[in-house]
Amino acid sequence: MMFALLNDFNHTGYDRDPAAILCDFVDGLLEESTGGKDLLLELHSLPEQANRAKSRRFRRPEASEGQSESLPTLGFIPNWSVRQMRSGVSQVSPDADQPAVIIPGSRVHRLRLRSPNLGHWTHAVRELRQVDATKVIGADVDRLSWEGYSFSKVVETQNLAVAATTAPIGWDGRGTFSELVTSPYLAFRRLRFVRFWAEAVQDSVTFLNQFTSNESLYGADAFAFSLTGLPTPDDLTTAMRDMRSGSLTVEMAHSTYFFPKYAKREDGSADNA
């Protein structure tokens, strides 16, 4: 059902794993939000025969009077392709000799990162472009022979700039500045980034449930997705507070929130997290 709903999103190598497809959806949300814009989607339909689930549990009932015979799905509308937005969306055709495609506003749906995450994210993306490593190295190659010039200091300054720029979302810069900070501070930042990601996933699931739980779209087989195995934003906020107070160790944070290998079921048995 997740595959049918989000058929436009890439999930190569993961087949129809719902977690992978959802992650691709959130990646799309982050990509479209780099300029402070919403993720645009079009509600449309795919042929029934291509989407009918084999399981009786998810089989869509016969269409009633006035109900579409196709399974509703969400199609991706890249922001770069949109040229006009009034009563609807005018989308530029990929073929130069073809006219723009007009999508009625009733079929266009928007999802954006919650506040203040959207502001933090767009700020981080914008500022990171100013401390791009290739730009710094390219600009300073000719200065390596200057007396009193230290290229290592330039790189260190750049790494600290990355740390400052990404602090509001908690990203660790892929280890860019890990040698310049303590491990508890790095763990604290990673908790913040997991919270940022978890909130994006949580908002995406809530958004998708608006469609799958709608009986006018899915008939008697309407359903809702639920998240399991993902720490809640409140849990992560508490973990961040505990990390700062010293009651949560780096090792505990890693095993619980970053790289949990096993999670206990209610019956006490172990399962892959």
Foldseek 3Di string as FASTA:
>chain_A
DLCQQEVQFDQPPNPVDNVSSLVSVLVQQLVLLLQPFWWKKFKDFDDQVVDADPDPLQGFDCDDPPADRTAIHIHGQRPVQFDDQDQFTFGHDPDPVDGTDTGGNVGMDTDHQDPPLSVLSNQLSVQLVVLDPVVQCVVCVVVPPPPPDDVVVVLQVSLVSNCVSNQQLLDCVVVSCVVVDDLLVNLLSVLSNLLSSQSSSVRSQVVVLVQQQDCSRRPPSRDGDDDPPRDHSVVSVVVSVCSVVVNADSVNSCCRHNDPQWDADPVGDTDGD
